Amino acid sequence: MRQLTRRRAAWLAGVATLVATPWVTHAETVFVKYRGSLDLQPFECEWITRSSLVTRLCYDHDQQYLVVNLNGTYYHYCAIPPRVVDAWRSAESMGRFFNQQVKGRFDCRVSPPPDYQG
């Protein structure tokens, strides 16, 4: 009986450790054209299912830096204001909005991208 109690105590201690330990999440890294590998941990990302061009938007509000997946390729845009990203998210046609309001603007050669290296 004593052994069963010890086993139970050990099991309960293991459960308590699991409950008290925060879940470790693995950051997602993507390859961004003209930039290279980028960890998406600081970004708020959303998958887009209503567009034939735009498949994902990832935005870092603090840095005003956007990464977008266009037909399987990630591109980045710098110094893009939150109001533009919000308008893009709610646009009737995300592809048309991209072509008219984003493409050719917010160039990361003019406004350099943030450095996310620790």
N, C-alpha and C. Protein backbone atom coordinates (compact mmCIF):
# COMPACT_ATOMS: atom_id res chain seq x y z
N MET A 1 0.82 -1.19 0.00
CA MET A 1 0.00 0.00 0.00
C MET A 1 0.87 1.26 0.00
N ARG A 2 1.94 1.20 0.75
CA ARG A 2 2.85 2.33 0.80
C ARG A 2 3.45 2.61 -0.58
N GLN A 3 3.79 1.55 -1.31
CA GLN A 3 4.37 1.71 -2.64
C GLN A 3 3.37 2.36 -3.59
N LEU A 4 2.13 1.97 -3.52
CA LEU A 4 1.10 2.57 -4.34
C LEU A 4 0.97 4.06 -4.04
N THR A 5 1.04 4.43 -2.81
CA THR A 5 0.96 5.83 -2.40
C THR A 5 2.15 6.61 -2.96
N ARG A 6 3.34 6.03 -2.92
CA ARG A 6 4.51 6.69 -3.48
C ARG A 6 4.38 6.87 -4.99
N ARG A 7 3.90 5.84 -5.66
CA ARG A 7 3.69 5.94 -7.11
C ARG A 7 2.68 7.03 -7.44
N ARG A 8 1.63 7.05 -6.66
CA ARG A 8 0.60 8.06 -6.89
C ARG A 8 1.15 9.46 -6.64
N ALA A 9 1.95 9.60 -5.58
CA ALA A 9 2.56 10.90 -5.28
C ALA A 9 3.50 11.32 -6.42
N ALA A 10 4.28 10.38 -6.94
CA ALA A 10 5.19 10.69 -8.05
C ALA A 10 4.40 11.08 -9.29
N TRP A 11 3.30 10.36 -9.55
CA TRP A 11 2.46 10.69 -10.70
C TRP A 11 1.86 12.08 -10.55
N LEU A 12 1.35 12.40 -9.37
CA LEU A 12 0.77 13.72 -9.12
C LEU A 12 1.83 14.82 -9.25
N ALA A 13 3.05 14.54 -8.79
CA ALA A 13 4.13 15.53 -8.92
C ALA A 13 4.44 15.76 -10.40
N GLY A 14 4.42 14.70 -11.20
CA GLY A 14 4.65 14.84 -12.65
C GLY A 14 3.57 15.66 -13.32
N VAL A 15 2.33 15.42 -12.94
CA VAL A 15 1.21 16.19 -13.50
C VAL A 15 1.34 17.65 -13.10
N ALA A 16 1.67 17.91 -11.86
CA ALA A 16 1.82 19.28 -11.39
C ALA A 16 2.93 20.00 -12.16
N THR A 17 4.01 19.29 -12.45
CA THR A 17 5.11 19.88 -13.22
C THR A 17 4.64 20.23 -14.62
N LEU A 18 3.88 19.34 -15.25
CA LEU A 18 3.37 19.62 -16.60
C LEU A 18 2.44 20.82 -16.61
N VAL A 19 1.58 20.90 -15.60
CA VAL A 19 0.63 22.00 -15.53
C VAL A 19 1.34 23.32 -15.30
N ALA A 20 2.39 23.32 -14.49
CA ALA A 20 3.11 24.55 -14.15
C ALA A 20 4.09 24.99 -15.24
N THR A 21 4.43 24.09 -16.15
CA THR A 21 5.39 24.41 -17.20
C THR A 21 4.67 25.03 -18.39
N PRO A 22 5.10 26.22 -18.82
CA PRO A 22 4.45 26.82 -19.99
C PRO A 22 4.76 26.00 -21.24
N TRP A 23 3.81 25.98 -22.14
CA TRP A 23 4.01 25.26 -23.39
C TRP A 23 5.07 25.97 -24.22
N VAL A 24 5.94 25.20 -24.77
CA VAL A 24 6.97 25.76 -25.63
C VAL A 24 6.43 25.72 -27.05
N THR A 25 6.38 26.86 -27.67
CA THR A 25 5.92 26.91 -29.05
C THR A 25 7.12 27.07 -29.96
N HIS A 26 7.07 26.39 -31.06
CA HIS A 26 8.14 26.48 -32.02
C HIS A 26 7.81 27.60 -32.99
N ALA A 27 8.73 28.51 -33.12
CA ALA A 27 8.52 29.64 -34.02
C ALA A 27 8.55 29.14 -35.46
N GLU A 28 7.79 29.81 -36.27
CA GLU A 28 7.76 29.48 -37.70
C GLU A 28 8.72 30.41 -38.44
N THR A 29 9.54 29.82 -39.27
CA THR A 29 10.47 30.59 -40.08
C THR A 29 10.08 30.41 -41.54
N VAL A 30 10.04 31.53 -42.26
CA VAL A 30 9.73 31.49 -43.70
C VAL A 30 10.86 32.15 -44.46
N PHE A 31 10.95 31.85 -45.74
CA PHE A 31 11.94 32.49 -46.60
C PHE A 31 11.25 33.64 -47.33
N VAL A 32 11.75 34.85 -47.13
CA VAL A 32 11.18 36.05 -47.74
C VAL A 32 12.09 36.47 -48.90
N LYS A 33 11.51 36.61 -50.07
CA LYS A 33 12.28 37.01 -51.24
C LYS A 33 12.92 38.38 -50.98
N TYR A 34 14.16 38.53 -51.36
CA TYR A 34 14.96 39.75 -51.18
C TYR A 34 15.38 39.99 -49.74
N ARG A 35 15.04 39.07 -48.83
CA ARG A 35 15.47 39.22 -47.43
C ARG A 35 16.15 37.98 -46.92
N GLY A 36 15.55 36.82 -47.11
CA GLY A 36 16.07 35.56 -46.58
C GLY A 36 15.14 35.02 -45.51
N SER A 37 15.68 34.21 -44.63
CA SER A 37 14.88 33.57 -43.57
C SER A 37 14.42 34.59 -42.55
N LEU A 38 13.18 34.42 -42.11
CA LEU A 38 12.59 35.34 -41.14
C LEU A 38 11.71 34.56 -40.18
N ASP A 39 11.93 34.76 -38.89
CA ASP A 39 11.12 34.15 -37.85
C ASP A 39 9.84 34.98 -37.70
N LEU A 40 8.69 34.35 -37.81
CA LEU A 40 7.42 35.06 -37.75
C LEU A 40 6.89 35.26 -36.32
N GLN A 41 7.68 34.93 -35.33
CA GLN A 41 7.22 35.03 -33.94
C GLN A 41 6.71 36.42 -33.56
N PRO A 42 7.35 37.53 -34.00
CA PRO A 42 6.82 38.85 -33.59
C PRO A 42 5.61 39.32 -34.41
N PHE A 43 5.18 38.54 -35.38
CA PHE A 43 4.13 38.96 -36.29
C PHE A 43 2.76 38.41 -35.90
N GLU A 44 1.73 39.13 -36.28
CA GLU A 44 0.37 38.61 -36.24
C GLU A 44 0.07 38.16 -37.64
N CYS A 45 -0.16 36.87 -37.80
CA CYS A 45 -0.37 36.29 -39.14
C CYS A 45 -1.79 35.78 -39.29
N GLU A 46 -2.27 35.86 -40.50
CA GLU A 46 -3.57 35.27 -40.81
C GLU A 46 -3.54 34.66 -42.21
N TRP A 47 -4.14 33.50 -42.30
CA TRP A 47 -4.29 32.85 -43.60
C TRP A 47 -5.47 33.49 -44.32
N ILE A 48 -5.33 33.68 -45.60
CA ILE A 48 -6.38 34.29 -46.41
C ILE A 48 -6.93 33.22 -47.35
N THR A 49 -8.23 33.03 -47.30
CA THR A 49 -8.85 32.00 -48.14
C THR A 49 -9.74 32.58 -49.23
N ARG A 50 -9.93 33.88 -49.23
CA ARG A 50 -10.87 34.49 -50.17
C ARG A 50 -10.17 35.19 -51.34
N SER A 51 -8.89 34.95 -51.52
CA SER A 51 -8.14 35.60 -52.58
C SER A 51 -7.37 34.55 -53.39
N SER A 52 -7.30 34.76 -54.70
CA SER A 52 -6.52 33.85 -55.53
C SER A 52 -5.05 34.27 -55.59
N LEU A 53 -4.72 35.47 -55.12
CA LEU A 53 -3.34 35.96 -55.12
C LEU A 53 -2.74 35.96 -53.72
N VAL A 54 -3.43 36.55 -52.76
CA VAL A 54 -2.93 36.72 -51.40
C VAL A 54 -3.33 35.50 -50.58
N THR A 55 -2.33 34.77 -50.06
CA THR A 55 -2.66 33.59 -49.27
C THR A 55 -2.38 33.77 -47.78
N ARG A 56 -1.55 34.79 -47.43
CA ARG A 56 -1.26 35.01 -46.01
C ARG A 56 -0.73 36.42 -45.81
N LEU A 57 -1.17 37.05 -44.73
CA LEU A 57 -0.64 38.35 -44.31
C LEU A 57 -0.06 38.20 -42.91
N CYS A 58 1.16 38.70 -42.72
CA CYS A 58 1.80 38.71 -41.40
C CYS A 58 2.28 40.14 -41.16
N TYR A 59 1.85 40.72 -40.06
CA TYR A 59 2.15 42.13 -39.82
C TYR A 59 2.72 42.33 -38.42
N ASP A 60 3.81 43.08 -38.35
CA ASP A 60 4.38 43.50 -37.08
C ASP A 60 3.98 44.95 -36.88
N HIS A 61 3.00 45.17 -36.05
CA HIS A 61 2.43 46.50 -35.83
C HIS A 61 3.48 47.47 -35.31
N ASP A 62 4.30 47.04 -34.35
CA ASP A 62 5.30 47.93 -33.74
C ASP A 62 6.32 48.43 -34.75
N GLN A 63 6.73 47.56 -35.66
CA GLN A 63 7.76 47.92 -36.65
C GLN A 63 7.15 48.40 -37.98
N GLN A 64 5.84 48.32 -38.11
CA GLN A 64 5.13 48.63 -39.35
C GLN A 64 5.76 47.89 -40.54
N TYR A 65 5.93 46.61 -40.32
CA TYR A 65 6.60 45.73 -41.28
C TYR A 65 5.66 44.59 -41.64
N LEU A 66 5.47 44.37 -42.93
CA LEU A 66 4.51 43.37 -43.40
C LEU A 66 5.20 42.34 -44.28
N VAL A 67 4.81 41.10 -44.07
CA VAL A 67 5.25 39.99 -44.91
C VAL A 67 3.98 39.39 -45.48
N VAL A 68 3.96 39.21 -46.79
CA VAL A 68 2.77 38.69 -47.46
C VAL A 68 3.15 37.51 -48.34
N ASN A 69 2.31 36.50 -48.34
CA ASN A 69 2.50 35.36 -49.22
C ASN A 69 1.61 35.57 -50.44
N LEU A 70 2.26 35.69 -51.59
CA LEU A 70 1.55 35.84 -52.86
C LEU A 70 1.81 34.59 -53.69
N ASN A 71 0.81 33.78 -53.83
CA ASN A 71 0.91 32.53 -54.60
C ASN A 71 2.12 31.69 -54.23
N GLY A 72 2.38 31.57 -52.93
CA GLY A 72 3.44 30.68 -52.46
C GLY A 72 4.79 31.34 -52.21
N THR A 73 4.95 32.60 -52.55
CA THR A 73 6.21 33.30 -52.32
C THR A 73 5.97 34.44 -51.33
N TYR A 74 6.84 34.52 -50.32
CA TYR A 74 6.74 35.60 -49.34
C TYR A 74 7.53 36.82 -49.82
N TYR A 75 6.90 37.99 -49.69
CA TYR A 75 7.52 39.28 -49.99
C TYR A 75 7.37 40.16 -48.76
N HIS A 76 8.19 41.22 -48.67
CA HIS A 76 8.09 42.10 -47.51
C HIS A 76 7.91 43.55 -47.95
N TYR A 77 7.26 44.30 -47.04
CA TYR A 77 6.99 45.72 -47.27
C TYR A 77 7.28 46.47 -45.97
N CYS A 78 7.98 47.60 -46.10
CA CYS A 78 8.46 48.35 -44.95
C CYS A 78 7.70 49.66 -44.79
N ALA A 79 7.63 50.11 -43.54
CA ALA A 79 6.96 51.38 -43.20
C ALA A 79 5.54 51.43 -43.75
N ILE A 80 4.84 50.33 -43.61
CA ILE A 80 3.45 50.24 -44.09
C ILE A 80 2.53 50.52 -42.90
N PRO A 81 1.78 51.61 -42.95
CA PRO A 81 0.96 52.01 -41.81
C PRO A 81 -0.16 51.01 -41.51
N PRO A 82 -0.56 50.93 -40.25
CA PRO A 82 -1.64 50.02 -39.86
C PRO A 82 -2.93 50.28 -40.63
N ARG A 83 -3.24 51.53 -40.96
CA ARG A 83 -4.49 51.83 -41.68
C ARG A 83 -4.49 51.18 -43.06
N VAL A 84 -3.32 51.07 -43.70
CA VAL A 84 -3.24 50.42 -45.01
C VAL A 84 -3.46 48.92 -44.86
N VAL A 85 -2.86 48.33 -43.85
CA VAL A 85 -3.02 46.89 -43.60
C VAL A 85 -4.48 46.58 -43.26
N ASP A 86 -5.10 47.41 -42.43
CA ASP A 86 -6.52 47.21 -42.08
C ASP A 86 -7.41 47.32 -43.32
N ALA A 87 -7.13 48.31 -44.16
CA ALA A 87 -7.91 48.46 -45.39
C ALA A 87 -7.72 47.26 -46.31
N TRP A 88 -6.50 46.76 -46.37
CA TRP A 88 -6.21 45.58 -47.21
C TRP A 88 -6.98 44.38 -46.71
N ARG A 89 -6.99 44.18 -45.40
CA ARG A 89 -7.70 43.03 -44.82
C ARG A 89 -9.19 43.07 -45.12
N SER A 90 -9.75 44.26 -45.20
CA SER A 90 -11.20 44.37 -45.42
C SER A 90 -11.57 44.69 -46.87
N ALA A 91 -10.59 44.73 -47.76
CA ALA A 91 -10.86 45.06 -49.16
C ALA A 91 -11.74 44.01 -49.82
N GLU A 92 -12.58 44.47 -50.72
CA GLU A 92 -13.44 43.54 -51.46
C GLU A 92 -12.59 42.56 -52.27
N SER A 93 -11.55 43.09 -52.93
CA SER A 93 -10.61 42.25 -53.68
C SER A 93 -9.21 42.50 -53.12
N MET A 94 -8.66 41.51 -52.46
CA MET A 94 -7.33 41.68 -51.88
C MET A 94 -6.25 41.80 -52.95
N GLY A 95 -6.41 41.10 -54.05
CA GLY A 95 -5.45 41.19 -55.15
C GLY A 95 -5.47 42.56 -55.80
N ARG A 96 -6.65 43.09 -56.03
CA ARG A 96 -6.77 44.43 -56.62
C ARG A 96 -6.20 45.48 -55.67
N PHE A 97 -6.50 45.35 -54.39
CA PHE A 97 -5.96 46.29 -53.41
C PHE A 97 -4.44 46.24 -53.42
N PHE A 98 -3.88 45.04 -53.44
CA PHE A 98 -2.42 44.90 -53.49
C PHE A 98 -1.85 45.63 -54.70
N ASN A 99 -2.41 45.36 -55.86
CA ASN A 99 -1.89 45.96 -57.10
C ASN A 99 -2.04 47.48 -57.13
N GLN A 100 -3.09 48.01 -56.53
CA GLN A 100 -3.33 49.45 -56.58
C GLN A 100 -2.73 50.23 -55.40
N GLN A 101 -2.64 49.61 -54.24
CA GLN A 101 -2.26 50.36 -53.04
C GLN A 101 -0.94 49.93 -52.38
N VAL A 102 -0.42 48.75 -52.72
CA VAL A 102 0.77 48.25 -52.02
C VAL A 102 1.94 48.04 -52.98
N LYS A 103 1.71 47.35 -54.06
CA LYS A 103 2.77 47.02 -55.02
C LYS A 103 3.46 48.29 -55.50
N GLY A 104 4.79 48.29 -55.43
CA GLY A 104 5.56 49.45 -55.87
C GLY A 104 5.71 50.53 -54.82
N ARG A 105 5.06 50.35 -53.68
CA ARG A 105 5.15 51.29 -52.56
C ARG A 105 5.75 50.55 -51.36
N PHE A 106 6.08 51.27 -50.33
CA PHE A 106 6.57 50.68 -49.08
C PHE A 106 7.82 49.82 -49.33
N ASP A 107 8.69 50.35 -50.16
CA ASP A 107 9.90 49.67 -50.60
C ASP A 107 10.91 49.56 -49.45
N CYS A 108 11.38 48.36 -49.20
CA CYS A 108 12.35 48.14 -48.13
C CYS A 108 13.76 48.60 -48.50
N ARG A 109 13.97 49.02 -49.74
CA ARG A 109 15.26 49.62 -50.10
C ARG A 109 15.28 51.09 -49.69
N VAL A 110 14.09 51.70 -49.55
CA VAL A 110 13.97 53.10 -49.14
C VAL A 110 13.88 53.17 -47.61
N SER A 111 13.00 52.39 -47.03
CA SER A 111 12.86 52.28 -45.57
C SER A 111 13.33 50.89 -45.20
N PRO A 112 14.54 50.76 -44.66
CA PRO A 112 15.09 49.41 -44.39
C PRO A 112 14.23 48.59 -43.45
N PRO A 113 14.22 47.28 -43.64
CA PRO A 113 13.45 46.41 -42.76
C PRO A 113 14.07 46.36 -41.37
N PRO A 114 13.25 46.06 -40.38
CA PRO A 114 13.78 45.94 -39.01
C PRO A 114 14.73 44.75 -38.89
N ASP A 115 15.64 44.86 -37.96
CA ASP A 115 16.57 43.77 -37.67
C ASP A 115 16.02 43.00 -36.48
N TYR A 116 15.63 41.76 -36.72
CA TYR A 116 15.06 40.94 -35.65
C TYR A 116 16.10 40.06 -34.98
N GLN A 117 17.36 40.26 -35.26
CA GLN A 117 18.42 39.49 -34.63
C GLN A 117 18.57 39.93 -33.19
N GLY A 118 18.27 39.03 -32.24
CA GLY A 118 18.34 39.25 -30.81
C GLY A 118 19.14 40.39 -30.42
